PDB file of N, CA and C in Angstrom:
ATOM      1  N   MET A   1      80.489  70.418 129.939  1.00  0.00           N
ATOM      2  CA  MET A   1      80.492  70.275 128.372  1.00  0.00           C
ATOM      3  C   MET A   1      82.013  69.610 128.497  1.00  0.00           C
ATOM      4  N   LYS A   2      82.467  68.623 127.523  1.00  0.00           N
ATOM      5  CA  LYS A   2      83.563  67.915 127.485  1.00  0.00           C
ATOM      6  C   LYS A   2      84.473  68.648 126.494  1.00  0.00           C
ATOM      7  N   GLN A   3      85.757  68.614 127.399  1.00  0.00           N
ATOM      8  CA  GLN A   3      87.127  69.368 126.486  1.00  0.00           C
ATOM      9  C   GLN A   3      87.558  68.396 125.722  1.00  0.00           C
ATOM     10  N   ILE A   4      88.068  69.351 124.496  1.00  0.00           N
ATOM     11  CA  ILE A   4      88.528  68.540 123.266  1.00  0.00           C
ATOM     12  C   ILE A   4      90.094  68.984 123.028  1.00  0.00           C
ATOM     13  N   LYS A   5      90.562  68.149 122.345  1.00  0.00           N
ATOM     14  CA  LYS A   5      92.341  68.462 122.295  1.00  0.00           C
ATOM     15  C   LYS A   5      91.899  69.646 121.063  1.00  0.00           C
ATOM     16  N   PHE A   6      92.432  70.774 120.888  1.00  0.00           N
ATOM     17  CA  PHE A   6      92.574  71.353 119.754  1.00  0.00           C
ATOM     18  C   PHE A   6      94.020  71.919 119.956  1.00  0.00           C
ATOM     19  N   LEU A   7      94.453  72.052 118.386  1.00  0.00           N
ATOM     20  CA  LEU A   7      95.767  72.562 117.917  1.00  0.00           C
ATOM     21  C   LEU A   7      95.621  74.274 117.615  1.00  0.00           C
ATOM     22  N   ILE A   8      96.713  74.970 117.967  1.00  0.00           N
ATOM     23  CA  ILE A   8      96.503  75.859 117.577  1.00  0.00           C
ATOM     24  C   ILE A   8      97.377  76.586 116.573  1.00  0.00           C
ATOM     25  N   GLU A   9      96.759  77.538 115.275  1.00  0.00           N
ATOM     26  CA  GLU A   9      97.824  77.792 114.606  1.00  0.00           C
ATOM     27  C   GLU A   9      98.097  79.133 114.559  1.00  0.00           C
ATOM     28  N   GLU A  10      98.732  79.834 113.883  1.00  0.00           N
ATOM     29  CA  GLU A  10      98.897  81.150 113.654  1.00  0.00           C
ATOM     30  C   GLU A  10      98.816  81.843 112.121  1.00  0.00           C
ATOM     31  N   TYR A  11      98.482  82.801 112.131  1.00  0.00           N
ATOM     32  CA  TYR A  11      98.493  83.218 110.812  1.00  0.00           C
ATOM     33  C   TYR A  11      99.525  84.347 110.392  1.00  0.00           C
ATOM     34  N   HIS A  12     100.625  83.870 109.706  1.00  0.00           N
ATOM     35  CA  HIS A  12     101.703  84.300 109.512  1.00  0.00           C
ATOM     36  C   HIS A  12     101.995  84.384 107.871  1.00  0.00           C
ATOM     37  N   ARG A  13     102.405  85.679 107.211  1.00  0.00           N
ATOM     38  CA  ARG A  13     102.815  85.576 106.044  1.00  0.00           C
ATOM     39  C   ARG A  13     101.694  84.981 105.152  1.00  0.00           C
ATOM     40  N   GLY A  14     100.246  85.379 105.453  1.00  0.00           N
ATOM     41  CA  GLY A  14      99.424  84.729 104.517  1.00  0.00           C
ATOM     42  C   GLY A  14      98.799  83.439 104.892  1.00  0.00           C
ATOM     43  N   LEU A  15      99.547  82.706 105.439  1.00  0.00           N
ATOM     44  CA  LEU A  15      98.913  81.381 105.660  1.00  0.00           C
ATOM     45  C   LEU A  15      98.928  81.199 106.747  1.00  0.00           C
ATOM     46  N   TRP A  16      97.828  80.335 107.321  1.00  0.00           N
ATOM     47  CA  TRP A  16      97.927  79.263 108.348  1.00  0.00           C
ATOM     48  C   TRP A  16      98.683  78.310 108.767  1.00  0.00           C
ATOM     49  N   GLN A  17      99.346  78.481 109.528  1.00  0.00           N
ATOM     50  CA  GLN A  17     100.719  77.902 110.216  1.00  0.00           C
ATOM     51  C   GLN A  17     100.562  77.330 111.317  1.00  0.00           C
ATOM     52  N   PRO A  18     101.051  75.781 111.849  1.00  0.00           N
ATOM     53  CA  PRO A  18     101.036  75.286 113.143  1.00  0.00           C
ATOM     54  C   PRO A  18     101.930  76.150 113.982  1.00  0.00           C
ATOM     55  N   LEU A  19     101.447  76.457 115.244  1.00  0.00           N
ATOM     56  CA  LEU A  19     102.054  77.340 116.187  1.00  0.00           C
ATOM     57  C   LEU A  19     102.865  76.523 117.309  1.00  0.00           C
ATOM     58  N   MET A  20     104.161  76.329 116.912  1.00  0.00           N
ATOM     59  CA  MET A  20     105.286  75.658 117.555  1.00  0.00           C
ATOM     60  C   MET A  20     105.870  76.111 118.801  1.00  0.00           C
ATOM     61  N   LEU A  21     105.683  74.875 120.092  1.00  0.00           N
ATOM     62  CA  LEU A  21     106.628  75.257 120.896  1.00  0.00           C
ATOM     63  C   LEU A  21     108.152  75.923 120.942  1.00  0.00           C
ATOM     64  N   GLN A  22     108.098  77.318 121.177  1.00  0.00           N
ATOM     65  CA  GLN A  22     109.743  77.570 121.433  1.00  0.00           C
ATOM     66  C   GLN A  22     110.788  76.774 121.838  1.00  0.00           C
ATOM     67  N   GLY A  23     111.812  76.780 121.241  1.00  0.00           N
ATOM     68  CA  GLY A  23     113.109  75.632 121.583  1.00  0.00           C
ATOM     69  C   GLY A  23     112.860  74.312 122.036  1.00  0.00           C
ATOM     70  N   SER A  24     111.834  74.023 121.233  1.00  0.00           N
ATOM     71  CA  SER A  24     111.697  72.277 121.224  1.00  0.00           C
ATOM     72  C   SER A  24     112.232  71.604 120.113  1.00  0.00           C
ATOM     73  N   ASN A  25     113.147  70.754 120.600  1.00  0.00           N
ATOM     74  CA  ASN A  25     113.628  70.030 118.969  1.00  0.00           C
ATOM     75  C   ASN A  25     112.925  68.771 118.918  1.00  0.00           C
ATOM     76  N   ASN A  26     111.763  68.532 119.283  1.00  0.00           N
ATOM     77  CA  ASN A  26     110.860  67.494 118.899  1.00  0.00           C
ATOM     78  C   ASN A  26     109.831  68.249 117.900  1.00  0.00           C
ATOM     79  N   LYS A  27     109.568  69.455 117.558  1.00  0.00           N
ATOM     80  CA  LYS A  27     108.665  69.760 116.720  1.00  0.00           C
ATOM     81  C   LYS A  27     107.413  69.791 117.104  1.00  0.00           C
ATOM     82  N   ILE A  28     107.024  69.796 118.515  1.00  0.00           N
ATOM     83  CA  ILE A  28     105.663  70.009 118.739  1.00  0.00           C
ATOM     84  C   ILE A  28     104.743  71.330 118.833  1.00  0.00           C
ATOM     85  N   GLN A  29     103.547  70.741 118.171  1.00  0.00           N
ATOM     86  CA  GLN A  29     102.594  72.250 117.659  1.00  0.00           C
ATOM     87  C   GLN A  29     102.014  72.360 119.376  1.00  0.00           C
ATOM     88  N   ARG A  30     101.744  73.124 119.373  1.00  0.00           N
ATOM     89  CA  ARG A  30     100.968  74.244 120.706  1.00  0.00           C
ATOM     90  C   ARG A  30      99.581  73.440 120.760  1.00  0.00           C
ATOM     91  N   ARG A  31      99.208  72.752 121.555  1.00  0.00           N
ATOM     92  CA  ARG A  31      97.874  72.408 121.844  1.00  0.00           C
ATOM     93  C   ARG A  31      97.073  72.622 122.634  1.00  0.00           C
ATOM     94  N   VAL A  32      96.125  72.444 123.133  1.00  0.00           N
ATOM     95  CA  VAL A  32      95.096  73.001 124.415  1.00  0.00           C
ATOM     96  C   VAL A  32      94.021  72.072 124.481  1.00  0.00           C
ATOM     97  N   PHE A  33      93.084  72.109 125.602  1.00  0.00           N
ATOM     98  CA  PHE A  33      92.130  71.532 125.983  1.00  0.00           C
ATOM     99  C   PHE A  33      90.865  72.437 126.166  1.00  0.00           C
ATOM    100  N   ILE A  34      90.165  72.548 125.682  1.00  0.00           N
ATOM    101  CA  ILE A  34      89.081  73.435 125.681  1.00  0.00           C
ATOM    102  C   ILE A  34      87.919  72.612 125.249  1.00  0.00           C
ATOM    103  N   THR A  35      86.482  73.330 125.301  1.00  0.00           N
ATOM    104  CA  THR A  35      85.347  73.135 124.620  1.00  0.00           C
ATOM    105  C   THR A  35      85.567  73.771 123.552  1.00  0.00           C
ATOM    106  N   GLN A  36      84.327  72.899 122.898  1.00  0.00           N
ATOM    107  CA  GLN A  36      83.951  73.367 121.480  1.00  0.00           C
ATOM    108  C   GLN A  36      83.267  74.885 121.516  1.00  0.00           C
ATOM    109  N   ASP A  37      82.650  75.378 122.008  1.00  0.00           N
ATOM    110  CA  ASP A  37      82.227  76.744 122.725  1.00  0.00           C
ATOM    111  C   ASP A  37      83.246  77.752 122.935  1.00  0.00           C
ATOM    112  N   GLU A  38      83.948  77.568 123.458  1.00  0.00           N
ATOM    113  CA  GLU A  38      84.926  77.978 124.126  1.00  0.00           C
ATOM    114  C   GLU A  38      85.957  78.347 122.313  1.00  0.00           C
ATOM    115  N   ALA A  39      86.237  77.581 121.919  1.00  0.00           N
ATOM    116  CA  ALA A  39      87.131  77.454 120.679  1.00  0.00           C
ATOM    117  C   ALA A  39      86.253  78.499 119.426  1.00  0.00           C
ATOM    118  N   ASP A  40      84.924  78.163 119.354  1.00  0.00           N
ATOM    119  CA  ASP A  40      84.308  78.946 118.472  1.00  0.00           C
ATOM    120  C   ASP A  40      84.165  80.585 118.964  1.00  0.00           C
ATOM    121  N   THR A  41      84.069  80.700 120.032  1.00  0.00           N
ATOM    122  CA  THR A  41      84.074  82.466 120.667  1.00  0.00           C
ATOM    123  C   THR A  41      85.480  82.619 120.404  1.00  0.00           C
ATOM    124  N   MET A  42      86.521  81.658 120.583  1.00  0.00           N
ATOM    125  CA  MET A  42      87.890  82.691 120.309  1.00  0.00           C
ATOM    126  C   MET A  42      88.164  82.453 118.726  1.00  0.00           C
ATOM    127  N   ASN A  43      87.576  81.863 118.035  1.00  0.00           N
ATOM    128  CA  ASN A  43      88.055  81.947 116.630  1.00  0.00           C
ATOM    129  C   ASN A  43      87.237  83.227 115.858  1.00  0.00           C
ATOM    130  N   ILE A  44      86.160  83.608 116.370  1.00  0.00           N
ATOM    131  CA  ILE A  44      85.505  84.530 115.774  1.00  0.00           C
ATOM    132  C   ILE A  44      86.440  85.677 115.565  1.00  0.00           C
ATOM    133  N   ASN A  45      87.468  86.029 116.109  1.00  0.00           N
ATOM    134  CA  ASN A  45      88.515  87.107 116.072  1.00  0.00           C
ATOM    135  C   ASN A  45      89.708  86.358 115.458  1.00  0.00           C
ATOM    136  N   SER A  46      89.366  85.486 115.375  1.00  0.00           N
ATOM    137  CA  SER A  46      90.739  84.705 114.646  1.00  0.00           C
ATOM    138  C   SER A  46      91.918  85.600 113.663  1.00  0.00           C
ATOM    139  N   PHE A  47      91.470  86.754 112.620  1.00  0.00           N
ATOM    140  CA  PHE A  47      92.414  87.409 111.961  1.00  0.00           C
ATOM    141  C   PHE A  47      92.912  88.667 112.892  1.00  0.00           C
ATOM    142  N   GLU A  48      92.646  88.700 113.916  1.00  0.00           N
ATOM    143  CA  GLU A  48      92.699  90.293 114.585  1.00  0.00           C
ATOM    144  C   GLU A  48      93.372  89.731 115.656  1.00  0.00           C
ATOM    145  N   THR A  49      93.547  88.508 116.287  1.00  0.00           N
ATOM    146  CA  THR A  49      94.594  87.904 117.249  1.00  0.00           C
ATOM    147  C   THR A  49      95.645  86.751 116.493  1.00  0.00           C
ATOM    148  N   GLY A  50      95.504  86.853 115.367  1.00  0.00           N
ATOM    149  CA  GLY A  50      96.442  86.076 114.782  1.00  0.00           C
ATOM    150  C   GLY A  50      96.184  84.617 114.998  1.00  0.00           C
ATOM    151  N   LEU A  51      95.585  83.971 116.104  1.00  0.00           N
ATOM    152  CA  LEU A  51      95.617  82.683 116.223  1.00  0.00           C
ATOM    153  C   LEU A  51      94.299  81.990 116.146  1.00  0.00           C
ATOM    154  N   ARG A  52      94.053  80.654 115.427  1.00  0.00           N
ATOM    155  CA  ARG A  52      92.779  80.124 115.776  1.00  0.00           C
ATOM    156  C   ARG A  52      92.997  78.595 116.172  1.00  0.00           C
ATOM    157  N   TYR A  53      91.945  78.204 116.685  1.00  0.00           N
ATOM    158  CA  TYR A  53      91.805  76.675 117.298  1.00  0.00           C
ATOM    159  C   TYR A  53      91.183  75.479 116.467  1.00  0.00           C
ATOM    160  N   VAL A  54      91.771  74.639 116.295  1.00  0.00           N
ATOM    161  CA  VAL A  54      91.590  73.867 115.390  1.00  0.00           C
ATOM    162  C   VAL A  54      91.520  72.496 116.298  1.00  0.00           C
ATOM    163  N   LYS A  55      90.350  71.490 115.735  1.00  0.00           N
ATOM    164  CA  LYS A  55      90.011  70.289 116.252  1.00  0.00           C
ATOM    165  C   LYS A  55      91.645  69.165 115.492  1.00  0.00           C
ATOM    166  N   ALA A  56      92.105  68.726 116.443  1.00  0.00           N
ATOM    167  CA  ALA A  56      93.389  67.963 116.232  1.00  0.00           C
ATOM    168  C   ALA A  56      92.965  66.799 115.097  1.00  0.00           C
ATOM    169  N   THR A  57      91.826  66.255 114.726  1.00  0.00           N
ATOM    170  CA  THR A  57      91.488  65.476 113.733  1.00  0.00           C
ATOM    171  C   THR A  57      91.613  66.055 112.425  1.00  0.00           C
ATOM    172  N   GLU A  58      91.223  67.318 112.559  1.00  0.00           N
ATOM    173  CA  GLU A  58      91.183  68.764 110.981  1.00  0.00           C
ATOM    174  C   GLU A  58      92.323  69.514 110.528  1.00  0.00           C
ATOM    175  N   VAL A  59      93.359  68.843 111.574  1.00  0.00           N
ATOM    176  CA  VAL A  59      94.490  69.297 110.941  1.00  0.00           C
ATOM    177  C   VAL A  59      95.418  69.001 109.756  1.00  0.00           C
ATOM    178  N   LYS A  60      95.848  70.009 108.944  1.00  0.00           N
ATOM    179  CA  LYS A  60      96.876  69.367 107.824  1.00  0.00           C
ATOM    180  C   LYS A  60      97.934  68.594 107.461  1.00  0.00           C
ATOM    181  N   ASP A  61      98.356  67.636 106.712  1.00  0.00           N
ATOM    182  CA  ASP A  61      99.476  67.262 107.391  1.00  0.00           C
ATOM    183  C   ASP A  61     101.045  68.342 106.885  1.00  0.00           C
ATOM    184  N   VAL A  62     101.614  68.392 107.780  1.00  0.00           N
ATOM    185  CA  VAL A  62     102.821  69.377 107.928  1.00  0.00           C
ATOM    186  C   VAL A  62     103.377  68.985 106.611  1.00  0.00           C
ATOM    187  N   GLU A  63     103.535  68.354 105.988  1.00  0.00           N
ATOM    188  CA  GLU A  63     104.300  67.749 104.737  1.00  0.00           C
ATOM    189  C   GLU A  63     103.957  68.703 103.383  1.00  0.00           C
ATOM    190  N   VAL A  64     102.584  68.885 103.693  1.00  0.00           N
ATOM    191  CA  VAL A  64     101.691  69.922 102.439  1.00  0.00           C
ATOM    192  C   VAL A  64     102.579  71.333 103.010  1.00  0.00           C
ATOM    193  N   VAL A  65     102.564  71.792 103.907  1.00  0.00           N
ATOM    194  CA  VAL A  65     103.051  73.316 104.097  1.00  0.00           C
ATOM    195  C   VAL A  65     104.824  73.215 103.689  1.00  0.00           C
ATOM    196  N   ASP A  66     105.107  72.093 104.263  1.00  0.00           N
ATOM    197  CA  ASP A  66     106.336  72.128 103.486  1.00  0.00           C
ATOM    198  C   ASP A  66     106.841  72.299 102.358  1.00  0.00           C
ATOM    199  N   ALA A  67     105.932  71.782 102.003  1.00  0.00           N
ATOM    200  CA  ALA A  67     106.359  71.036 100.264  1.00  0.00           C
ATOM    201  C   ALA A  67     105.872  72.550  99.477  1.00  0.00           C
ATOM    202  N   GLU A  68     104.972  73.756 100.196  1.00  0.00           N
ATOM    203  CA  GLU A  68     104.434  74.800  99.712  1.00  0.00           C
ATOM    204  C   GLU A  68     106.030  76.056  99.755  1.00  0.00           C
ATOM    205  N   VAL A  69     106.740  75.781 100.892  1.00  0.00           N
ATOM    206  CA  VAL A  69     108.084  76.470 101.294  1.00  0.00           C
ATOM    207  C   VAL A  69     109.300  75.940 100.353  1.00  0.00           C
ATOM    208  N   VAL A  70     108.982  74.894 100.080  1.00  0.00           N
ATOM    209  CA  VAL A  70     110.296  74.592  99.152  1.00  0.00           C
ATOM    210  C   VAL A  70     110.062  74.858  97.586  1.00  0.00           C
ATOM    211  N   ALA A  71     108.844  75.075  97.058  1.00  0.00           N
ATOM    212  CA  ALA A  71     108.252  75.404  96.173  1.00  0.00           C
ATOM    213  C   ALA A  71     108.751  77.073  96.043  1.00  0.00           C
ATOM    214  N   GLU A  72     108.565  77.695  97.009  1.00  0.00           N
ATOM    215  CA  GLU A  72     109.456  79.439  96.888  1.00  0.00           C
ATOM    216  C   GLU A  72     110.468  79.488  97.119  1.00  0.00           C
ATOM    217  N   ASN A  73     111.198  78.267  98.031  1.00  0.00           N
ATOM    218  CA  ASN A  73     112.629  78.510  97.992  1.00  0.00           C
ATOM    219  C   ASN A  73     113.130  78.200  96.469  1.00  0.00           C
ATOM    220  N   ASP A  74     112.655  77.299  95.413  1.00  0.00           N
ATOM    221  CA  ASP A  74     112.778  76.882  94.444  1.00  0.00           C
ATOM    222  C   ASP A  74     113.085  78.048  93.437  1.00  0.00           C
ATOM    223  N   ILE A  75     112.001  78.803  93.570  1.00  0.00           N
ATOM    224  CA  ILE A  75     111.886  80.221  92.831  1.00  0.00           C
ATOM    225  C   ILE A  75     112.687  81.152  93.112  1.00  0.00           C
ATOM    226  N   LYS A  76     113.148  80.857  94.091  1.00  0.00           N
ATOM    227  CA  LYS A  76     114.238  82.240  94.631  1.00  0.00           C
ATOM    228  C   LYS A  76     115.855  81.899  94.245  1.00  0.00           C
ATOM    229  N   GLU A  77     115.982  80.230  94.648  1.00  0.00           N
ATOM    230  CA  GLU A  77     116.952  79.518  93.772  1.00  0.00           C
ATOM    231  C   GLU A  77     117.480  80.152  92.729  1.00  0.00           C
ATOM    232  N   ARG A  78     116.497  79.819  91.706  1.00  0.00           N
ATOM    233  CA  ARG A  78     116.329  79.982  90.393  1.00  0.00           C
ATOM    234  C   ARG A  78     116.741  81.711  89.694  1.00  0.00           C
ATOM    235  N   TYR A  79     116.473  82.675  90.873  1.00  0.00           N
ATOM    236  CA  TYR A  79     116.526  83.643  90.734  1.00  0.00           C
ATOM    237  C   TYR A  79     117.853  84.412  90.906  1.00  0.00           C
ATOM    238  N   ILE A  80     118.472  83.246  92.212  1.00  0.00           N
ATOM    239  CA  ILE A  80     120.022  83.595  92.717  1.00  0.00           C
ATOM    240  C   ILE A  80     120.613  82.925  91.300  1.00  0.00           C
ATOM    241  N   ALA A  81     120.292  82.161  90.879  1.00  0.00           N
ATOM    242  CA  ALA A  81     121.490  81.290  89.902  1.00  0.00           C
ATOM    243  C   ALA A  81     121.466  82.485  88.346  1.00  0.00           C
ATOM    244  N   LEU A  82     120.245  83.122  88.099  1.00  0.00           N
ATOM    245  CA  LEU A  82     120.332  84.014  86.596  1.00  0.00           C
ATOM    246  C   LEU A  82     121.005  85.226  87.418  1.00  0.00           C
ATOM    247  N   TYR A  83     120.695  86.034  88.317  1.00  0.00           N
ATOM    248  CA  TYR A  83     120.930  87.236  88.618  1.00  0.00           C
ATOM    249  C   TYR A  83     122.249  87.058  89.975  1.00  0.00           C
ATOM    250  N   GLY A  84     122.625  86.224  90.344  1.00  0.00           N
ATOM    251  CA  GLY A  84     124.055  86.445  91.161  1.00  0.00           C
ATOM    252  C   GLY A  84     123.486  86.849  92.621  1.00  0.00           C
ATOM    253  N   LYS A  85     122.816  87.217  92.868  1.00  0.00           N
ATOM    254  CA  LYS A  85     121.954  87.848  94.353  1.00  0.00           C
ATOM    255  C   LYS A  85     120.768  87.502  94.720  1.00  0.00           C
ATOM    256  N   LYS A  86     120.185  87.735  95.883  1.00  0.00           N
ATOM    257  CA  LYS A  86     118.956  87.246  96.139  1.00  0.00           C
ATOM    258  C   LYS A  86     118.012  88.152  96.020  1.00  0.00           C
ATOM    259  N   PRO A  87     116.755  87.753  95.610  1.00  0.00           N
ATOM    260  CA  PRO A  87     115.457  88.986  95.130  1.00  0.00           C
ATOM    261  C   PRO A  87     115.119  89.820  96.475  1.00  0.00           C
ATOM    262  N   PHE A  88     114.788  90.831  96.234  1.00  0.00           N
ATOM    263  CA  PHE A  88     114.493  91.787  96.962  1.00  0.00           C
ATOM    264  C   PHE A  88     113.552  91.301  97.513  1.00  0.00           C
ATOM    265  N   HIS A  89     113.495  91.408  99.269  1.00  0.00           N
ATOM    266  CA  HIS A  89     112.625  90.669 100.174  1.00  0.00           C
ATOM    267  C   HIS A  89     110.957  91.243 100.176  1.00  0.00           C
ATOM    268  N   GLY A  90     110.890  92.534  99.545  1.00  0.00           N
ATOM    269  CA  GLY A  90     109.519  92.375  99.436  1.00  0.00           C
ATOM    270  C   GLY A  90     108.561  92.164  98.339  1.00  0.00           C
ATOM    271  N   TRP A  91     109.686  91.078  97.322  1.00  0.00           N
ATOM    272  CA  TRP A  91     108.760  90.553  96.201  1.00  0.00           C
ATOM    273  C   TRP A  91     108.332  89.658  96.226  1.00  0.00           C
ATOM    274  N   ASN A  92     107.148  89.224  96.029  1.00  0.00           N
ATOM    275  CA  ASN A  92     106.306  87.936  95.743  1.00  0.00           C
ATOM    276  C   ASN A  92     106.559  87.174  94.742  1.00  0.00           C
ATOM    277  N   ASP A  93     106.075  85.878  94.529  1.00  0.00           N
ATOM    278  CA  ASP A  93     106.491  84.721  93.702  1.00  0.00           C
ATOM    279  C   ASP A  93     106.331  85.255  92.440  1.00  0.00           C
ATOM    280  N   GLU A  94     104.930  86.058  92.246  1.00  0.00           N
ATOM    281  CA  GLU A  94     105.089  86.126  90.986  1.00  0.00           C
ATOM    282  C   GLU A  94     105.806  87.503  90.449  1.00  0.00           C
ATOM    283  N   LYS A  95     106.330  88.125  91.264  1.00  0.00           N
ATOM    284  CA  LYS A  95     107.069  89.388  90.606  1.00  0.00           C
ATOM    285  C   LYS A  95     108.701  88.637  90.293  1.00  0.00           C
ATOM    286  N   ILE A  96     108.836  87.700  91.362  1.00  0.00           N
ATOM    287  CA  ILE A  96     110.107  87.009  90.695  1.00  0.00           C
ATOM    288  C   ILE A  96     110.363  86.192  89.869  1.00  0.00           C
ATOM    289  N   LEU A  97     109.018  85.466  89.751  1.00  0.00           N
ATOM    290  CA  LEU A  97     109.001  84.842  88.068  1.00  0.00           C
ATOM    291  C   LEU A  97     108.814  85.888  86.775  1.00  0.00           C
ATOM    292  N   GLU A  98     108.368  86.945  87.291  1.00  0.00           N
ATOM    293  CA  GLU A  98     108.439  88.165  86.363  1.00  0.00           C
ATOM    294  C   GLU A  98     109.552  88.065  86.021  1.00  0.00           C
ATOM    295  N   LYS A  99     110.438  88.567  86.737  1.00  0.00           N
ATOM    296  CA  LYS A  99     111.712  88.885  86.879  1.00  0.00           C
ATOM    297  C   LYS A  99     112.679  88.084  86.193  1.00  0.00           C
ATOM    298  N   ILE A 100     112.432  86.759  86.454  1.00  0.00           N
ATOM    299  CA  ILE A 100     113.091  85.610  85.746  1.00  0.00           C
ATOM    300  C   ILE A 100     112.608  85.282  83.991  1.00  0.00           C
ATOM    301  N   ASN A 101     111.691  86.059  83.649  1.00  0.00           N
ATOM    302  CA  ASN A 101     111.106  85.511  82.439  1.00  0.00           C
ATOM    303  C   ASN A 101     111.945  86.474  81.558  1.00  0.00           C
ATOM    304  N   SER A 102     111.519  88.115  82.586  1.00  0.00           N
ATOM    305  CA  SER A 102     112.627  89.242  81.425  1.00  0.00           C
ATOM    306  C   SER A 102     113.955  89.380  81.218  1.00  0.00           C
ATOM    307  N   PHE A 103     114.681  88.615  82.419  1.00  0.00           N
ATOM    308  CA  PHE A 103     115.854  87.942  81.998  1.00  0.00           C
ATOM    309  C   PHE A 103     116.113  86.892  81.034  1.00  0.00           C
ATOM    310  N   LYS A 104     115.196  86.016  80.540  1.00  0.00           N
ATOM    311  CA  LYS A 104     115.484  85.275  79.863  1.00  0.00           C
ATOM    312  C   LYS A 104     115.378  85.635  78.393  1.00  0.00           C
ATOM    313  N   LYS A 105     114.310  87.166  78.425  1.00  0.00           N
ATOM    314  CA  LYS A 105     114.119  87.645  76.956  1.00  0.00           C
ATOM    315  C   LYS A 105     115.119  88.366  76.600  1.00  0.00           C
ATOM    316  N   ASP A 106     115.856  89.305  77.787  1.00  0.00           N
ATOM    317  CA  ASP A 106     116.835  90.030  77.230  1.00  0.00           C
ATOM    318  C   ASP A 106     117.979  89.431  76.554  1.00  0.00           C
TER     319      ASP A 106
END
């Protein structure tokens, strides 16, 4: 069987994100050359292992992921501007927005 280039993604904080090589200044995503059958077999338990294998042509642009992170940081920065401190680390974006809206009503 023919080996194909697959990129590895990790499940982190509820999102599939590219698994980057540690200590790399070039921001290179981890990749492997395996057959389609091997990738399918390993993807069966992808949520348990926290890793999945995606064909190199199916990967989303990294800029899309970065845009989501920027939006999350923007909400946190608005909270800091209102309250003068960072939000509780266990709160999700909805809870932080709820706190921002309750501050504006008071």
